[in-house]
Amino acid sequence: MQNLGYSKVLKEKIRNCNEKINEGTNEMREFSPETEIAESMEERRQLYYGEACEAFKCGNIEDAQRNIKDVLFIDPKFIPGRILKFEVKLVATFKKPWKQIILDK
């Protein structure tokens, strides 16, 4: 403690550091409208994808198709991670690598 200085000085240094950290955190949280839209779309994509996985797991193919189609409308470059590509083929065809065309069913 003596090497770092008096406790009052140390407390002041810690307080200053915490203020700087909080200021930096608040600055980082200020998003542009584009960032907020992208974040919202990502949340929706994850929600629909999770619902598609659950529906497919439960054998509800129609709900899985609908949710996968919603995911593809939000993110046409969507690449499945948790579910097989077969499930995406329920609603899309692959004309070119990584290019998906949504089928009307």
C-alpha atoms as a PDB file:
ATOM      1  CA  MET A   1       0.000   0.000   0.000  1.00  0.00           C
ATOM      2  CA  GLN A   2       2.849   2.378   0.793  1.00  0.00           C
ATOM      3  CA  ASN A   3       4.367   1.714  -2.629  1.00  0.00           C
ATOM      4  CA  LEU A   4       1.129   2.822  -4.283  1.00  0.00           C
ATOM      5  CA  GLY A   5       0.684   5.899  -2.123  1.00  0.00           C
ATOM      6  CA  TYR A   6      -1.811   6.856   0.511  1.00  0.00           C
ATOM      7  CA  SER A   7      -5.197   5.142   0.405  1.00  0.00           C
ATOM      8  CA  LYS A   8      -6.950   8.465  -0.260  1.00  0.00           C
ATOM      9  CA  VAL A   9      -4.794   9.027  -3.337  1.00  0.00           C
ATOM     10  CA  LEU A  10      -5.287   5.411  -4.397  1.00  0.00           C
ATOM     11  CA  LYS A  11      -9.077   5.709  -4.064  1.00  0.00           C
ATOM     12  CA  GLU A  12      -8.995   8.840  -6.211  1.00  0.00           C
ATOM     13  CA  LYS A  13      -6.959   7.058  -8.893  1.00  0.00           C
ATOM     14  CA  ILE A  14      -9.385   4.116  -8.897  1.00  0.00           C
ATOM     15  CA  ARG A  15     -12.361   6.493  -9.136  1.00  0.00           C
ATOM     16  CA  ASN A  16     -10.755   8.285 -12.096  1.00  0.00           C
ATOM     17  CA  CYS A  17     -10.081   4.978 -13.847  1.00  0.00           C
ATOM     18  CA  ASN A  18     -13.666   3.820 -13.291  1.00  0.00           C
ATOM     19  CA  GLU A  19     -15.001   7.092 -14.710  1.00  0.00           C
ATOM     20  CA  LYS A  20     -12.842   6.694 -17.813  1.00  0.00           C
ATOM     21  CA  ILE A  21     -14.001   3.102 -18.242  1.00  0.00           C
ATOM     22  CA  ASN A  22     -17.655   4.131 -17.894  1.00  0.00           C
ATOM     23  CA  GLU A  23     -17.217   7.006 -20.357  1.00  0.00           C
ATOM     24  CA  GLY A  24     -15.639   4.661 -22.884  1.00  0.00           C
ATOM     25  CA  THR A  25     -18.397   2.107 -22.397  1.00  0.00           C
ATOM     26  CA  ASN A  26     -21.104   4.715 -22.916  1.00  0.00           C
ATOM     27  CA  GLU A  27     -19.382   6.016 -26.040  1.00  0.00           C
ATOM     28  CA  MET A  28     -19.219   2.502 -27.449  1.00  0.00           C
ATOM     29  CA  ARG A  29     -22.948   1.976 -26.817  1.00  0.00           C
ATOM     30  CA  GLU A  30     -23.974   4.904 -28.997  1.00  0.00           C
ATOM     31  CA  PHE A  31     -25.068   3.219 -32.202  1.00  0.00           C
ATOM     32  CA  SER A  32     -25.851   4.731 -35.537  1.00  0.00           C
ATOM     33  CA  PRO A  33     -29.322   4.044 -36.972  1.00  0.00           C
ATOM     34  CA  GLU A  34     -27.755   1.602 -39.440  1.00  0.00           C
ATOM     35  CA  THR A  35     -26.149  -0.360 -36.610  1.00  0.00           C
ATOM     36  CA  GLU A  36     -29.429  -0.521 -34.702  1.00  0.00           C
ATOM     37  CA  ILE A  37     -31.261  -1.770 -37.802  1.00  0.00           C
ATOM     38  CA  ALA A  38     -28.588  -4.399 -38.455  1.00  0.00           C
ATOM     39  CA  GLU A  39     -28.705  -5.524 -34.828  1.00  0.00           C
ATOM     40  CA  SER A  40     -32.502  -5.750 -34.932  1.00  0.00           C
ATOM     41  CA  MET A  41     -32.387  -7.791 -38.143  1.00  0.00           C
ATOM     42  CA  GLU A  42     -29.787 -10.126 -36.631  1.00  0.00           C
ATOM     43  CA  GLU A  43     -31.975 -10.667 -33.556  1.00  0.00           C
ATOM     44  CA  ARG A  44     -34.986 -11.427 -35.773  1.00  0.00           C
ATOM     45  CA  ARG A  45     -32.915 -13.798 -37.917  1.00  0.00           C
ATOM     46  CA  GLN A  46     -31.730 -15.674 -34.837  1.00  0.00           C
ATOM     47  CA  LEU A  47     -35.279 -15.833 -33.466  1.00  0.00           C
ATOM     48  CA  TYR A  48     -36.728 -17.262 -36.698  1.00  0.00           C
ATOM     49  CA  TYR A  49     -33.822 -19.660 -37.065  1.00  0.00           C
ATOM     50  CA  GLY A  50     -34.251 -20.915 -33.496  1.00  0.00           C
ATOM     51  CA  GLU A  51     -37.975 -21.392 -34.096  1.00  0.00           C
ATOM     52  CA  ALA A  52     -37.213 -23.260 -37.337  1.00  0.00           C
ATOM     53  CA  CYS A  53     -34.836 -25.589 -35.480  1.00  0.00           C
ATOM     54  CA  GLU A  54     -37.421 -26.283 -32.783  1.00  0.00           C
ATOM     55  CA  ALA A  55     -40.181 -26.877 -35.326  1.00  0.00           C
ATOM     56  CA  PHE A  56     -37.991 -29.247 -37.334  1.00  0.00           C
ATOM     57  CA  LYS A  57     -36.962 -31.088 -34.167  1.00  0.00           C
ATOM     58  CA  CYS A  58     -40.637 -31.562 -33.276  1.00  0.00           C
ATOM     59  CA  GLY A  59     -41.470 -32.759 -36.788  1.00  0.00           C
ATOM     60  CA  ASN A  60     -43.487 -29.672 -37.708  1.00  0.00           C
ATOM     61  CA  ILE A  61     -42.182 -29.241 -41.249  1.00  0.00           C
ATOM     62  CA  GLU A  62     -44.639 -26.479 -42.218  1.00  0.00           C
ATOM     63  CA  ASP A  63     -43.528 -24.207 -39.364  1.00  0.00           C
ATOM     64  CA  ALA A  64     -39.894 -25.021 -40.113  1.00  0.00           C
ATOM     65  CA  GLN A  65     -40.421 -24.057 -43.767  1.00  0.00           C
ATOM     66  CA  ARG A  66     -42.131 -20.797 -42.838  1.00  0.00           C
ATOM     67  CA  ASN A  67     -39.431 -19.808 -40.344  1.00  0.00           C
ATOM     68  CA  ILE A  68     -36.578 -20.721 -42.682  1.00  0.00           C
ATOM     69  CA  LYS A  69     -38.249 -18.688 -45.432  1.00  0.00           C
ATOM     70  CA  ASP A  70     -38.437 -15.728 -43.011  1.00  0.00           C
ATOM     71  CA  VAL A  71     -34.735 -16.152 -42.233  1.00  0.00           C
ATOM     72  CA  LEU A  72     -33.892 -16.144 -45.943  1.00  0.00           C
ATOM     73  CA  PHE A  73     -35.930 -12.986 -46.525  1.00  0.00           C
ATOM     74  CA  ILE A  74     -33.988 -11.248 -43.743  1.00  0.00           C
ATOM     75  CA  ASP A  75     -30.589 -12.633 -44.739  1.00  0.00           C
ATOM     76  CA  PRO A  76     -30.378 -14.048 -48.291  1.00  0.00           C
ATOM     77  CA  LYS A  77     -26.751 -15.085 -47.672  1.00  0.00           C
ATOM     78  CA  PHE A  78     -27.770 -17.155 -44.639  1.00  0.00           C
ATOM     79  CA  ILE A  79     -25.695 -20.300 -44.121  1.00  0.00           C
ATOM     80  CA  PRO A  80     -27.210 -22.873 -41.763  1.00  0.00           C
ATOM     81  CA  GLY A  81     -25.141 -23.830 -38.769  1.00  0.00           C
ATOM     82  CA  ARG A  82     -27.283 -25.788 -36.357  1.00  0.00           C
ATOM     83  CA  ILE A  83     -29.574 -27.440 -38.890  1.00  0.00           C
ATOM     84  CA  LEU A  84     -28.709 -29.378 -42.009  1.00  0.00           C
ATOM     85  CA  LYS A  85     -28.734 -27.844 -45.465  1.00  0.00           C
ATOM     86  CA  PHE A  86     -31.516 -30.299 -46.297  1.00  0.00           C
ATOM     87  CA  GLU A  87     -33.819 -28.230 -44.099  1.00  0.00           C
ATOM     88  CA  VAL A  88     -33.011 -25.056 -46.014  1.00  0.00           C
ATOM     89  CA  LYS A  89     -33.729 -26.954 -49.243  1.00  0.00           C
ATOM     90  CA  LEU A  90     -37.313 -27.229 -48.003  1.00  0.00           C
ATOM     91  CA  VAL A  91     -37.750 -23.610 -49.076  1.00  0.00           C
ATOM     92  CA  ALA A  92     -34.752 -22.740 -51.252  1.00  0.00           C
ATOM     93  CA  THR A  93     -32.698 -23.988 -54.157  1.00  0.00           C
ATOM     94  CA  PHE A  94     -29.021 -23.346 -54.650  1.00  0.00           C
ATOM     95  CA  LYS A  95     -28.324 -22.092 -58.181  1.00  0.00           C
ATOM     96  CA  LYS A  96     -24.796 -20.910 -57.400  1.00  0.00           C
ATOM     97  CA  PRO A  97     -22.628 -21.539 -54.352  1.00  0.00           C
ATOM     98  CA  TRP A  98     -23.904 -19.490 -51.406  1.00  0.00           C
ATOM     99  CA  LYS A  99     -26.711 -17.975 -53.518  1.00  0.00           C
ATOM    100  CA  GLN A 100     -30.172 -19.041 -52.413  1.00  0.00           C
ATOM    101  CA  ILE A 101     -33.415 -18.556 -54.297  1.00  0.00           C
ATOM    102  CA  ILE A 102     -36.587 -18.717 -52.235  1.00  0.00           C
ATOM    103  CA  LEU A 103     -39.235 -21.030 -53.659  1.00  0.00           C
ATOM    104  CA  ASP A 104     -42.907 -20.130 -53.617  1.00  0.00           C
ATOM    105  CA  LYS A 105     -44.721 -22.951 -51.857  1.00  0.00           C
END
